[in-house]
Amino acid sequence: MEPLMAITIGILFAAAIYMMLRRSIVKLVIGLILLSNAANLLIFATAGMVRGAPPLVPKGMTAPETAVADPLPQALVLTAIVIAFGVLSFAVVLVRRAWEIVGADDLDQMKDTDT
């Protein structure tokens, strides 16, 4: 399972970089989405993909009885998802406003409006 995840993460990172290098600002936003998803999968993969029980300690014991899932990567990814959604919503509003002003989504045409 880990080699398949490594290949998937590599493909997502490559696709994200390819999309971010395009001239269209919409493709740039799609690349940002792919990049954040690839980073989230990377956090999960490096933490170890093991199915386990919730990290609950029964009453009267000092340690869990069975293997438990690590809650830290899950919390980090959940936080990253929320932050990525905020960045995505800001980028969509920025793209819409740029489209209204310039009338194109080509970054070269947007650079011409600086003067």
PDB file of N, CA and C in Angstrom:
ATOM      1  N   MET A   1       0.814  -1.194   0.000  1.00  0.00           N
ATOM      2  CA  MET A   1       0.000   0.000   0.000  1.00  0.00           C
ATOM      3  C   MET A   1       0.862   1.265   0.000  1.00  0.00           C
ATOM      4  N   GLU A   2       1.991   1.233   0.696  1.00  0.00           N
ATOM      5  CA  GLU A   2       2.845   2.420   0.759  1.00  0.00           C
ATOM      6  C   GLU A   2       3.447   2.781  -0.597  1.00  0.00           C
ATOM      7  N   PRO A   3       3.918   1.808  -1.410  1.00  0.00           N
ATOM      8  CA  PRO A   3       4.431   2.214  -2.731  1.00  0.00           C
ATOM      9  C   PRO A   3       3.358   2.833  -3.621  1.00  0.00           C
ATOM     10  N   LEU A   4       2.143   2.331  -3.535  1.00  0.00           N
ATOM     11  CA  LEU A   4       1.057   2.909  -4.316  1.00  0.00           C
ATOM     12  C   LEU A   4       0.767   4.338  -3.861  1.00  0.00           C
ATOM     13  N   MET A   5       0.784   4.567  -2.560  1.00  0.00           N
ATOM     14  CA  MET A   5       0.567   5.924  -2.050  1.00  0.00           C
ATOM     15  C   MET A   5       1.715   6.855  -2.459  1.00  0.00           C
ATOM     16  N   ALA A   6       2.939   6.348  -2.441  1.00  0.00           N
ATOM     17  CA  ALA A   6       4.083   7.167  -2.841  1.00  0.00           C
ATOM     18  C   ALA A   6       3.974   7.575  -4.307  1.00  0.00           C
ATOM     19  N   ILE A   7       3.552   6.649  -5.154  1.00  0.00           N
ATOM     20  CA  ILE A   7       3.374   6.968  -6.573  1.00  0.00           C
ATOM     21  C   ILE A   7       2.242   7.976  -6.755  1.00  0.00           C
ATOM     22  N   THR A   8       1.146   7.774  -6.032  1.00  0.00           N
ATOM     23  CA  THR A   8       0.011   8.698  -6.123  1.00  0.00           C
ATOM     24  C   THR A   8       0.404  10.100  -5.670  1.00  0.00           C
ATOM     25  N   ILE A   9       1.135  10.179  -4.569  1.00  0.00           N
ATOM     26  CA  ILE A   9       1.576  11.484  -4.068  1.00  0.00           C
ATOM     27  C   ILE A   9       2.520  12.152  -5.064  1.00  0.00           C
ATOM     28  N   GLY A  10       3.421  11.385  -5.649  1.00  0.00           N
ATOM     29  CA  GLY A  10       4.327  11.932  -6.655  1.00  0.00           C
ATOM     30  C   GLY A  10       3.593  12.453  -7.871  1.00  0.00           C
ATOM     31  N   ILE A  11       2.576  11.708  -8.321  1.00  0.00           N
ATOM     32  CA  ILE A  11       1.788  12.147  -9.468  1.00  0.00           C
ATOM     33  C   ILE A  11       1.021  13.425  -9.130  1.00  0.00           C
ATOM     34  N   LEU A  12       0.461  13.490  -7.927  1.00  0.00           N
ATOM     35  CA  LEU A  12      -0.268  14.699  -7.527  1.00  0.00           C
ATOM     36  C   LEU A  12       0.659  15.913  -7.452  1.00  0.00           C
ATOM     37  N   PHE A  13       1.855  15.740  -6.881  1.00  0.00           N
ATOM     38  CA  PHE A  13       2.806  16.850  -6.826  1.00  0.00           C
ATOM     39  C   PHE A  13       3.225  17.283  -8.229  1.00  0.00           C
ATOM     40  N   ALA A  14       3.478  16.313  -9.113  1.00  0.00           N
ATOM     41  CA  ALA A  14       3.882  16.648 -10.479  1.00  0.00           C
ATOM     42  C   ALA A  14       2.759  17.373 -11.215  1.00  0.00           C
ATOM     43  N   ALA A  15       1.534  16.886 -11.060  1.00  0.00           N
ATOM     44  CA  ALA A  15       0.402  17.543 -11.717  1.00  0.00           C
ATOM     45  C   ALA A  15       0.188  18.945 -11.160  1.00  0.00           C
ATOM     46  N   ALA A  16       0.379  19.109  -9.856  1.00  0.00           N
ATOM     47  CA  ALA A  16       0.210  20.429  -9.239  1.00  0.00           C
ATOM     48  C   ALA A  16       1.244  21.414  -9.765  1.00  0.00           C
ATOM     49  N   ILE A  17       2.482  20.989  -9.851  1.00  0.00           N
ATOM     50  CA  ILE A  17       3.529  21.889 -10.351  1.00  0.00           C
ATOM     51  C   ILE A  17       3.293  22.215 -11.821  1.00  0.00           C
ATOM     52  N   TYR A  18       2.873  21.210 -12.607  1.00  0.00           N
ATOM     53  CA  TYR A  18       2.571  21.459 -14.018  1.00  0.00           C
ATOM     54  C   TYR A  18       1.438  22.473 -14.164  1.00  0.00           C
ATOM     55  N   MET A  19       0.391  22.301 -13.370  1.00  0.00           N
ATOM     56  CA  MET A  19      -0.739  23.223 -13.463  1.00  0.00           C
ATOM     57  C   MET A  19      -0.363  24.629 -12.996  1.00  0.00           C
ATOM     58  N   MET A  20       0.493  24.726 -11.996  1.00  0.00           N
ATOM     59  CA  MET A  20       0.883  26.040 -11.492  1.00  0.00           C
ATOM     60  C   MET A  20       1.811  26.782 -12.452  1.00  0.00           C
ATOM     61  N   LEU A  21       2.459  26.061 -13.350  1.00  0.00           N
ATOM     62  CA  LEU A  21       3.353  26.704 -14.319  1.00  0.00           C
ATOM     63  C   LEU A  21       2.625  27.138 -15.585  1.00  0.00           C
ATOM     64  N   ARG A  22       1.355  26.859 -15.712  1.00  0.00           N
ATOM     65  CA  ARG A  22       0.575  27.291 -16.872  1.00  0.00           C
ATOM     66  C   ARG A  22       0.287  28.788 -16.767  1.00  0.00           C
ATOM     67  N   ARG A  23      -0.138  29.390 -17.850  1.00  0.00           N
ATOM     68  CA  ARG A  23      -0.378  30.828 -17.868  1.00  0.00           C
ATOM     69  C   ARG A  23      -1.755  31.211 -17.364  1.00  0.00           C
ATOM     70  N   SER A  24      -2.659  30.282 -17.261  1.00  0.00           N
ATOM     71  CA  SER A  24      -4.022  30.583 -16.836  1.00  0.00           C
ATOM     72  C   SER A  24      -4.088  30.655 -15.313  1.00  0.00           C
ATOM     73  N   ILE A  25      -4.764  31.668 -14.811  1.00  0.00           N
ATOM     74  CA  ILE A  25      -4.875  31.812 -13.359  1.00  0.00           C
ATOM     75  C   ILE A  25      -5.822  30.762 -12.763  1.00  0.00           C
ATOM     76  N   VAL A  26      -6.768  30.287 -13.558  1.00  0.00           N
ATOM     77  CA  VAL A  26      -7.657  29.217 -13.087  1.00  0.00           C
ATOM     78  C   VAL A  26      -6.860  27.929 -12.896  1.00  0.00           C
ATOM     79  N   LYS A  27      -5.949  27.646 -13.826  1.00  0.00           N
ATOM     80  CA  LYS A  27      -5.099  26.463 -13.682  1.00  0.00           C
ATOM     81  C   LYS A  27      -4.157  26.610 -12.494  1.00  0.00           C
ATOM     82  N   LEU A  28      -3.764  27.814 -12.187  1.00  0.00           N
ATOM     83  CA  LEU A  28      -2.945  28.062 -11.001  1.00  0.00           C
ATOM     84  C   LEU A  28      -3.713  27.691  -9.734  1.00  0.00           C
ATOM     85  N   VAL A  29      -4.978  28.048  -9.666  1.00  0.00           N
ATOM     86  CA  VAL A  29      -5.799  27.712  -8.499  1.00  0.00           C
ATOM     87  C   VAL A  29      -5.999  26.203  -8.404  1.00  0.00           C
ATOM     88  N   ILE A  30      -6.219  25.550  -9.546  1.00  0.00           N
ATOM     89  CA  ILE A  30      -6.363  24.085  -9.537  1.00  0.00           C
ATOM     90  C   ILE A  30      -5.059  23.441  -9.073  1.00  0.00           C
ATOM     91  N   GLY A  31      -3.933  23.990  -9.485  1.00  0.00           N
ATOM     92  CA  GLY A  31      -2.642  23.482  -9.018  1.00  0.00           C
ATOM     93  C   GLY A  31      -2.473  23.640  -7.518  1.00  0.00           C
ATOM     94  N   LEU A  32      -2.959  24.752  -6.964  1.00  0.00           N
ATOM     95  CA  LEU A  32      -2.906  24.940  -5.509  1.00  0.00           C
ATOM     96  C   LEU A  32      -3.735  23.893  -4.777  1.00  0.00           C
ATOM     97  N   ILE A  33      -4.898  23.565  -5.332  1.00  0.00           N
ATOM     98  CA  ILE A  33      -5.753  22.538  -4.728  1.00  0.00           C
ATOM     99  C   ILE A  33      -5.041  21.193  -4.751  1.00  0.00           C
ATOM    100  N   LEU A  34      -4.460  20.842  -5.901  1.00  0.00           N
ATOM    101  CA  LEU A  34      -3.752  19.567  -6.003  1.00  0.00           C
ATOM    102  C   LEU A  34      -2.545  19.525  -5.063  1.00  0.00           C
ATOM    103  N   LEU A  35      -1.862  20.646  -4.939  1.00  0.00           N
ATOM    104  CA  LEU A  35      -0.698  20.706  -4.060  1.00  0.00           C
ATOM    105  C   LEU A  35      -1.093  20.495  -2.601  1.00  0.00           C
ATOM    106  N   SER A  36      -2.180  21.098  -2.182  1.00  0.00           N
ATOM    107  CA  SER A  36      -2.610  20.912  -0.791  1.00  0.00           C
ATOM    108  C   SER A  36      -3.063  19.477  -0.539  1.00  0.00           C
ATOM    109  N   ASN A  37      -3.747  18.873  -1.513  1.00  0.00           N
ATOM    110  CA  ASN A  37      -4.157  17.479  -1.343  1.00  0.00           C
ATOM    111  C   ASN A  37      -2.955  16.543  -1.305  1.00  0.00           C
ATOM    112  N   ALA A  38      -1.958  16.815  -2.133  1.00  0.00           N
ATOM    113  CA  ALA A  38      -0.753  15.992  -2.122  1.00  0.00           C
ATOM    114  C   ALA A  38      -0.003  16.125  -0.794  1.00  0.00           C
ATOM    115  N   ALA A  39       0.044  17.323  -0.256  1.00  0.00           N
ATOM    116  CA  ALA A  39       0.712  17.524   1.030  1.00  0.00           C
ATOM    117  C   ALA A  39      -0.039  16.793   2.154  1.00  0.00           C
ATOM    118  N   ASN A  40      -1.363  16.808   2.110  1.00  0.00           N
ATOM    119  CA  ASN A  40      -2.142  16.089   3.123  1.00  0.00           C
ATOM    120  C   ASN A  40      -1.908  14.585   3.035  1.00  0.00           C
ATOM    121  N   LEU A  41      -1.883  14.054   1.831  1.00  0.00           N
ATOM    122  CA  LEU A  41      -1.602  12.630   1.671  1.00  0.00           C
ATOM    123  C   LEU A  41      -0.190  12.289   2.120  1.00  0.00           C
ATOM    124  N   LEU A  42       0.746  13.205   1.881  1.00  0.00           N
ATOM    125  CA  LEU A  42       2.127  12.971   2.322  1.00  0.00           C
ATOM    126  C   LEU A  42       2.216  12.890   3.840  1.00  0.00           C
ATOM    127  N   ILE A  43       1.471  13.737   4.528  1.00  0.00           N
ATOM    128  CA  ILE A  43       1.464  13.688   5.994  1.00  0.00           C
ATOM    129  C   ILE A  43       0.912  12.351   6.476  1.00  0.00           C
ATOM    130  N   PHE A  44      -0.179  11.900   5.858  1.00  0.00           N
ATOM    131  CA  PHE A  44      -0.745  10.600   6.235  1.00  0.00           C
ATOM    132  C   PHE A  44       0.224   9.460   5.958  1.00  0.00           C
ATOM    133  N   ALA A  45       0.879   9.502   4.812  1.00  0.00           N
ATOM    134  CA  ALA A  45       1.767   8.408   4.432  1.00  0.00           C
ATOM    135  C   ALA A  45       3.012   8.353   5.318  1.00  0.00           C
ATOM    136  N   THR A  46       3.558   9.511   5.676  1.00  0.00           N
ATOM    137  CA  THR A  46       4.752   9.500   6.516  1.00  0.00           C
ATOM    138  C   THR A  46       4.438   9.121   7.964  1.00  0.00           C
ATOM    139  N   ALA A  47       3.204   9.333   8.376  1.00  0.00           N
ATOM    140  CA  ALA A  47       2.822   8.968   9.741  1.00  0.00           C
ATOM    141  C   ALA A  47       2.598   7.469   9.884  1.00  0.00           C
ATOM    142  N   GLY A  48       2.487   6.779   8.781  1.00  0.00           N
ATOM    143  CA  GLY A  48       2.247   5.340   8.834  1.00  0.00           C
ATOM    144  C   GLY A  48       0.776   5.045   8.659  1.00  0.00           C
ATOM    145  N   MET A  49       0.500   4.264   7.661  1.00  0.00           N
ATOM    146  CA  MET A  49      -0.889   3.957   7.365  1.00  0.00           C
ATOM    147  C   MET A  49      -1.249   2.616   8.001  1.00  0.00           C
ATOM    148  N   VAL A  50      -1.601   2.673   9.264  1.00  0.00           N
ATOM    149  CA  VAL A  50      -1.955   1.479  10.016  1.00  0.00           C
ATOM    150  C   VAL A  50      -3.362   1.658  10.550  1.00  0.00           C
ATOM    151  N   ARG A  51      -4.189   0.653  10.326  1.00  0.00           N
ATOM    152  CA  ARG A  51      -5.530   0.717  10.902  1.00  0.00           C
ATOM    153  C   ARG A  51      -5.436   0.338  12.368  1.00  0.00           C
ATOM    154  N   GLY A  52      -6.020   1.147  13.187  1.00  0.00           N
ATOM    155  CA  GLY A  52      -5.982   0.888  14.617  1.00  0.00           C
ATOM    156  C   GLY A  52      -7.219   1.431  15.287  1.00  0.00           C
ATOM    157  N   ALA A  53      -7.329   1.132  16.544  1.00  0.00           N
ATOM    158  CA  ALA A  53      -8.462   1.598  17.329  1.00  0.00           C
ATOM    159  C   ALA A  53      -8.246   3.058  17.712  1.00  0.00           C
ATOM    160  N   PRO A  54      -9.292   3.725  18.169  1.00  0.00           N
ATOM    161  CA  PRO A  54      -9.096   5.089  18.663  1.00  0.00           C
ATOM    162  C   PRO A  54      -8.169   5.089  19.882  1.00  0.00           C
ATOM    163  N   PRO A  55      -7.422   6.157  20.073  1.00  0.00           N
ATOM    164  CA  PRO A  55      -6.459   6.194  21.174  1.00  0.00           C
ATOM    165  C   PRO A  55      -7.132   6.442  22.521  1.00  0.00           C
ATOM    166  N   LEU A  56      -7.944   5.511  22.948  1.00  0.00           N
ATOM    167  CA  LEU A  56      -8.633   5.620  24.229  1.00  0.00           C
ATOM    168  C   LEU A  56      -8.047   4.615  25.211  1.00  0.00           C
ATOM    169  N   VAL A  57      -7.821   5.060  26.433  1.00  0.00           N
ATOM    170  CA  VAL A  57      -7.280   4.190  27.483  1.00  0.00           C
ATOM    171  C   VAL A  57      -8.438   3.784  28.386  1.00  0.00           C
ATOM    172  N   PRO A  58      -8.670   2.459  28.535  1.00  0.00           N
ATOM    173  CA  PRO A  58      -9.761   2.020  29.412  1.00  0.00           C
ATOM    174  C   PRO A  58      -9.514   2.427  30.864  1.00  0.00           C
ATOM    175  N   LYS A  59     -10.594   2.530  31.603  1.00  0.00           N
ATOM    176  CA  LYS A  59     -10.510   2.933  33.005  1.00  0.00           C
ATOM    177  C   LYS A  59      -9.703   1.904  33.803  1.00  0.00           C
ATOM    178  N   GLY A  60      -8.786   2.385  34.604  1.00  0.00           N
ATOM    179  CA  GLY A  60      -7.967   1.527  35.440  1.00  0.00           C
ATOM    180  C   GLY A  60      -6.690   1.049  34.775  1.00  0.00           C
ATOM    181  N   MET A  61      -6.456   1.401  33.519  1.00  0.00           N
ATOM    182  CA  MET A  61      -5.236   0.980  32.820  1.00  0.00           C
ATOM    183  C   MET A  61      -4.381   2.214  32.536  1.00  0.00           C
ATOM    184  N   THR A  62      -3.102   1.993  32.307  1.00  0.00           N
ATOM    185  CA  THR A  62      -2.201   3.104  32.018  1.00  0.00           C
ATOM    186  C   THR A  62      -1.879   3.216  30.531  1.00  0.00           C
ATOM    187  N   ALA A  63      -2.193   2.198  29.757  1.00  0.00           N
ATOM    188  CA  ALA A  63      -1.910   2.208  28.318  1.00  0.00           C
ATOM    189  C   ALA A  63      -3.042   1.498  27.582  1.00  0.00           C
ATOM    190  N   PRO A  64      -3.223   1.790  26.314  1.00  0.00           N
ATOM    191  CA  PRO A  64      -4.253   1.085  25.541  1.00  0.00           C
ATOM    192  C   PRO A  64      -3.924  -0.396  25.404  1.00  0.00           C
ATOM    193  N   GLU A  65      -4.954  -1.210  25.227  1.00  0.00           N
ATOM    194  CA  GLU A  65      -4.760  -2.665  25.127  1.00  0.00           C
ATOM    195  C   GLU A  65      -4.238  -3.090  23.768  1.00  0.00           C
ATOM    196  N   THR A  66      -4.711  -2.441  22.697  1.00  0.00           N
ATOM    197  CA  THR A  66      -4.350  -2.832  21.336  1.00  0.00           C
ATOM    198  C   THR A  66      -3.621  -1.689  20.640  1.00  0.00           C
ATOM    199  N   ALA A  67      -3.276  -1.930  19.385  1.00  0.00           N
ATOM    200  CA  ALA A  67      -2.635  -0.889  18.583  1.00  0.00           C
ATOM    201  C   ALA A  67      -3.632   0.258  18.357  1.00  0.00           C
ATOM    202  N   VAL A  68      -3.128   1.448  18.460  1.00  0.00           N
ATOM    203  CA  VAL A  68      -3.998   2.617  18.322  1.00  0.00           C
ATOM    204  C   VAL A  68      -3.545   3.463  17.135  1.00  0.00           C
ATOM    205  N   ALA A  69      -4.464   4.239  16.599  1.00  0.00           N
ATOM    206  CA  ALA A  69      -4.147   5.176  15.525  1.00  0.00           C
ATOM    207  C   ALA A  69      -3.529   6.435  16.126  1.00  0.00           C
ATOM    208  N   ASP A  70      -2.579   7.002  15.416  1.00  0.00           N
ATOM    209  CA  ASP A  70      -1.927   8.221  15.884  1.00  0.00           C
ATOM    210  C   ASP A  70      -2.829   9.419  15.553  1.00  0.00           C
ATOM    211  N   PRO A  71      -3.309  10.149  16.554  1.00  0.00           N
ATOM    212  CA  PRO A  71      -4.233  11.254  16.268  1.00  0.00           C
ATOM    213  C   PRO A  71      -3.549  12.526  15.763  1.00  0.00           C
ATOM    214  N   LEU A  72      -2.247  12.657  15.935  1.00  0.00           N
ATOM    215  CA  LEU A  72      -1.568  13.888  15.541  1.00  0.00           C
ATOM    216  C   LEU A  72      -1.621  14.151  14.037  1.00  0.00           C
ATOM    217  N   PRO A  73      -1.293  13.173  13.176  1.00  0.00           N
ATOM    218  CA  PRO A  73      -1.394  13.457  11.739  1.00  0.00           C
ATOM    219  C   PRO A  73      -2.830  13.762  11.301  1.00  0.00           C
ATOM    220  N   GLN A  74      -3.790  13.129  11.929  1.00  0.00           N
ATOM    221  CA  GLN A  74      -5.185  13.399  11.597  1.00  0.00           C
ATOM    222  C   GLN A  74      -5.552  14.837  11.958  1.00  0.00           C
ATOM    223  N   ALA A  75      -5.087  15.300  13.105  1.00  0.00           N
ATOM    224  CA  ALA A  75      -5.360  16.683  13.503  1.00  0.00           C
ATOM    225  C   ALA A  75      -4.645  17.672  12.589  1.00  0.00           C
ATOM    226  N   LEU A  76      -3.409  17.359  12.202  1.00  0.00           N
ATOM    227  CA  LEU A  76      -2.676  18.249  11.301  1.00  0.00           C
ATOM    228  C   LEU A  76      -3.354  18.349   9.941  1.00  0.00           C
ATOM    229  N   VAL A  77      -3.801  17.212   9.414  1.00  0.00           N
ATOM    230  CA  VAL A  77      -4.446  17.216   8.104  1.00  0.00           C
ATOM    231  C   VAL A  77      -5.792  17.923   8.173  1.00  0.00           C
ATOM    232  N   LEU A  78      -6.521  17.738   9.257  1.00  0.00           N
ATOM    233  CA  LEU A  78      -7.794  18.435   9.402  1.00  0.00           C
ATOM    234  C   LEU A  78      -7.589  19.948   9.424  1.00  0.00           C
ATOM    235  N   THR A  79      -6.573  20.393  10.127  1.00  0.00           N
ATOM    236  CA  THR A  79      -6.246  21.819  10.151  1.00  0.00           C
ATOM    237  C   THR A  79      -5.815  22.298   8.768  1.00  0.00           C
ATOM    238  N   ALA A  80      -5.019  21.485   8.073  1.00  0.00           N
ATOM    239  CA  ALA A  80      -4.561  21.850   6.732  1.00  0.00           C
ATOM    240  C   ALA A  80      -5.720  21.934   5.748  1.00  0.00           C
ATOM    241  N   ILE A  81      -6.715  21.074   5.904  1.00  0.00           N
ATOM    242  CA  ILE A  81      -7.883  21.119   5.025  1.00  0.00           C
ATOM    243  C   ILE A  81      -8.642  22.431   5.219  1.00  0.00           C
ATOM    244  N   VAL A  82      -8.800  22.844   6.459  1.00  0.00           N
ATOM    245  CA  VAL A  82      -9.510  24.093   6.744  1.00  0.00           C
ATOM    246  C   VAL A  82      -8.740  25.290   6.180  1.00  0.00           C
ATOM    247  N   ILE A  83      -7.442  25.306   6.360  1.00  0.00           N
ATOM    248  CA  ILE A  83      -6.628  26.400   5.839  1.00  0.00           C
ATOM    249  C   ILE A  83      -6.656  26.407   4.314  1.00  0.00           C
ATOM    250  N   ALA A  84      -6.569  25.226   3.695  1.00  0.00           N
ATOM    251  CA  ALA A  84      -6.611  25.144   2.236  1.00  0.00           C
ATOM    252  C   ALA A  84      -7.957  25.622   1.696  1.00  0.00           C
ATOM    253  N   PHE A  85      -9.042  25.343   2.415  1.00  0.00           N
ATOM    254  CA  PHE A  85     -10.345  25.826   1.973  1.00  0.00           C
ATOM    255  C   PHE A  85     -10.403  27.348   2.037  1.00  0.00           C
ATOM    256  N   GLY A  86      -9.825  27.940   3.073  1.00  0.00           N
ATOM    257  CA  GLY A  86      -9.780  29.398   3.167  1.00  0.00           C
ATOM    258  C   GLY A  86      -8.959  30.013   2.053  1.00  0.00           C
ATOM    259  N   VAL A  87      -7.808  29.421   1.747  1.00  0.00           N
ATOM    260  CA  VAL A  87      -6.966  29.927   0.663  1.00  0.00           C
ATOM    261  C   VAL A  87      -7.679  29.770  -0.674  1.00  0.00           C
ATOM    262  N   LEU A  88      -8.368  28.642  -0.852  1.00  0.00           N
ATOM    263  CA  LEU A  88      -9.095  28.417  -2.097  1.00  0.00           C
ATOM    264  C   LEU A  88     -10.227  29.426  -2.283  1.00  0.00           C
ATOM    265  N   SER A  89     -10.968  29.685  -1.236  1.00  0.00           N
ATOM    266  CA  SER A  89     -12.066  30.649  -1.358  1.00  0.00           C
ATOM    267  C   SER A  89     -11.532  32.050  -1.648  1.00  0.00           C
ATOM    268  N   PHE A  90     -10.421  32.426  -1.025  1.00  0.00           N
ATOM    269  CA  PHE A  90      -9.809  33.728  -1.319  1.00  0.00           C
ATOM    270  C   PHE A  90      -9.326  33.783  -2.765  1.00  0.00           C
ATOM    271  N   ALA A  91      -8.719  32.697  -3.241  1.00  0.00           N
ATOM    272  CA  ALA A  91      -8.207  32.671  -4.610  1.00  0.00           C
ATOM    273  C   ALA A  91      -9.340  32.743  -5.628  1.00  0.00           C
ATOM    274  N   VAL A  92     -10.463  32.082  -5.342  1.00  0.00           N
ATOM    275  CA  VAL A  92     -11.592  32.121  -6.273  1.00  0.00           C
ATOM    276  C   VAL A  92     -12.148  33.539  -6.363  1.00  0.00           C
ATOM    277  N   VAL A  93     -12.270  34.218  -5.230  1.00  0.00           N
ATOM    278  CA  VAL A  93     -12.751  35.602  -5.250  1.00  0.00           C
ATOM    279  C   VAL A  93     -11.757  36.499  -5.973  1.00  0.00           C
ATOM    280  N   LEU A  94     -10.481  36.277  -5.764  1.00  0.00           N
ATOM    281  CA  LEU A  94      -9.450  37.063  -6.443  1.00  0.00           C
ATOM    282  C   LEU A  94      -9.494  36.841  -7.951  1.00  0.00           C
ATOM    283  N   VAL A  95      -9.680  35.596  -8.381  1.00  0.00           N
ATOM    284  CA  VAL A  95      -9.762  35.293  -9.807  1.00  0.00           C
ATOM    285  C   VAL A  95     -10.995  35.943 -10.418  1.00  0.00           C
ATOM    286  N   ARG A  96     -12.108  35.890  -9.717  1.00  0.00           N
ATOM    287  CA  ARG A  96     -13.342  36.503 -10.230  1.00  0.00           C
ATOM    288  C   ARG A  96     -13.168  38.014 -10.389  1.00  0.00           C
ATOM    289  N   ARG A  97     -12.570  38.634  -9.402  1.00  0.00           N
ATOM    290  CA  ARG A  97     -12.363  40.081  -9.467  1.00  0.00           C
ATOM    291  C   ARG A  97     -11.382  40.450 -10.589  1.00  0.00           C
ATOM    292  N   ALA A  98     -10.343  39.644 -10.751  1.00  0.00           N
ATOM    293  CA  ALA A  98      -9.385  39.894 -11.821  1.00  0.00           C
ATOM    294  C   ALA A  98     -10.046  39.710 -13.181  1.00  0.00           C
ATOM    295  N   TRP A  99     -10.938  38.735 -13.284  1.00  0.00           N
ATOM    296  CA  TRP A  99     -11.659  38.524 -14.543  1.00  0.00           C
ATOM    297  C   TRP A  99     -12.560  39.713 -14.857  1.00  0.00           C
ATOM    298  N   GLU A 100     -13.191  40.277 -13.837  1.00  0.00           N
ATOM    299  CA  GLU A 100     -14.056  41.439 -14.059  1.00  0.00           C
ATOM    300  C   GLU A 100     -13.258  42.651 -14.523  1.00  0.00           C
ATOM    301  N   ILE A 101     -12.078  42.842 -13.992  1.00  0.00           N
ATOM    302  CA  ILE A 101     -11.270  44.019 -14.329  1.00  0.00           C
ATOM    303  C   ILE A 101     -10.566  43.841 -15.672  1.00  0.00           C
ATOM    304  N   VAL A 102      -9.890  42.707 -15.858  1.00  0.00           N
ATOM    305  CA  VAL A 102      -9.060  42.511 -17.046  1.00  0.00           C
ATOM    306  C   VAL A 102      -9.861  41.888 -18.193  1.00  0.00           C
ATOM    307  N   GLY A 103     -10.750  40.979 -17.885  1.00  0.00           N
ATOM    308  CA  GLY A 103     -11.520  40.309 -18.925  1.00  0.00           C
ATOM    309  C   GLY A 103     -10.820  39.105 -19.516  1.00  0.00           C
ATOM    310  N   ALA A 104      -9.763  38.627 -18.870  1.00  0.00           N
ATOM    311  CA  ALA A 104      -9.029  37.450 -19.336  1.00  0.00           C
ATOM    312  C   ALA A 104      -8.417  36.759 -18.136  1.00  0.00           C
ATOM    313  N   ASP A 105      -8.076  35.494 -18.326  1.00  0.00           N
ATOM    314  CA  ASP A 105      -7.427  34.776 -17.223  1.00  0.00           C
ATOM    315  C   ASP A 105      -5.964  34.462 -17.523  1.00  0.00           C
ATOM    316  N   ASP A 106      -5.427  35.057 -18.583  1.00  0.00           N
ATOM    317  CA  ASP A 106      -4.023  34.871 -18.932  1.00  0.00           C
ATOM    318  C   ASP A 106      -3.174  35.800 -18.073  1.00  0.00           C
ATOM    319  N   LEU A 107      -2.164  35.242 -17.434  1.00  0.00           N
ATOM    320  CA  LEU A 107      -1.326  36.046 -16.536  1.00  0.00           C
ATOM    321  C   LEU A 107      -0.525  37.105 -17.284  1.00  0.00           C
ATOM    322  N   ASP A 108      -0.162  36.855 -18.547  1.00  0.00           N
ATOM    323  CA  ASP A 108       0.570  37.861 -19.321  1.00  0.00           C
ATOM    324  C   ASP A 108      -0.307  39.075 -19.612  1.00  0.00           C
ATOM    325  N   GLN A 109      -1.583  38.854 -19.880  1.00  0.00           N
ATOM    326  CA  GLN A 109      -2.482  39.974 -20.120  1.00  0.00           C
ATOM    327  C   GLN A 109      -2.750  40.748 -18.835  1.00  0.00           C
ATOM    328  N   MET A 110      -2.713  40.081 -17.712  1.00  0.00           N
ATOM    329  CA  MET A 110      -2.905  40.784 -16.425  1.00  0.00           C
ATOM    330  C   MET A 110      -1.691  41.641 -16.093  1.00  0.00           C
ATOM    331  N   LYS A 111      -0.522  41.221 -16.546  1.00  0.00           N
ATOM    332  CA  LYS A 111       0.692  42.000 -16.289  1.00  0.00           C
ATOM    333  C   LYS A 111       0.673  43.298 -17.086  1.00  0.00           C
ATOM    334  N   ASP A 112       0.026  43.307 -18.229  1.00  0.00           N
ATOM    335  CA  ASP A 112      -0.034  44.510 -19.062  1.00  0.00           C
ATOM    336  C   ASP A 112      -0.871  45.611 -18.430  1.00  0.00           C
ATOM    337  N   THR A 113      -1.716  45.294 -17.476  1.00  0.00           N
ATOM    338  CA  THR A 113      -2.587  46.291 -16.859  1.00  0.00           C
ATOM    339  C   THR A 113      -1.918  47.013 -15.700  1.00  0.00           C
ATOM    340  N   ASP A 114      -0.658  46.710 -15.406  1.00  0.00           N
ATOM    341  CA  ASP A 114       0.037  47.342 -14.267  1.00  0.00           C
ATOM    342  C   ASP A 114       0.351  48.806 -14.519  1.00  0.00           C
ATOM    343  N   THR A 115       0.505  49.205 -15.750  1.00  0.00           N
ATOM    344  CA  THR A 115       0.923  50.579 -16.048  1.00  0.00           C
ATOM    345  C   THR A 115      -0.189  51.558 -15.988  1.00  0.00           C
TER     346      THR A 115
END
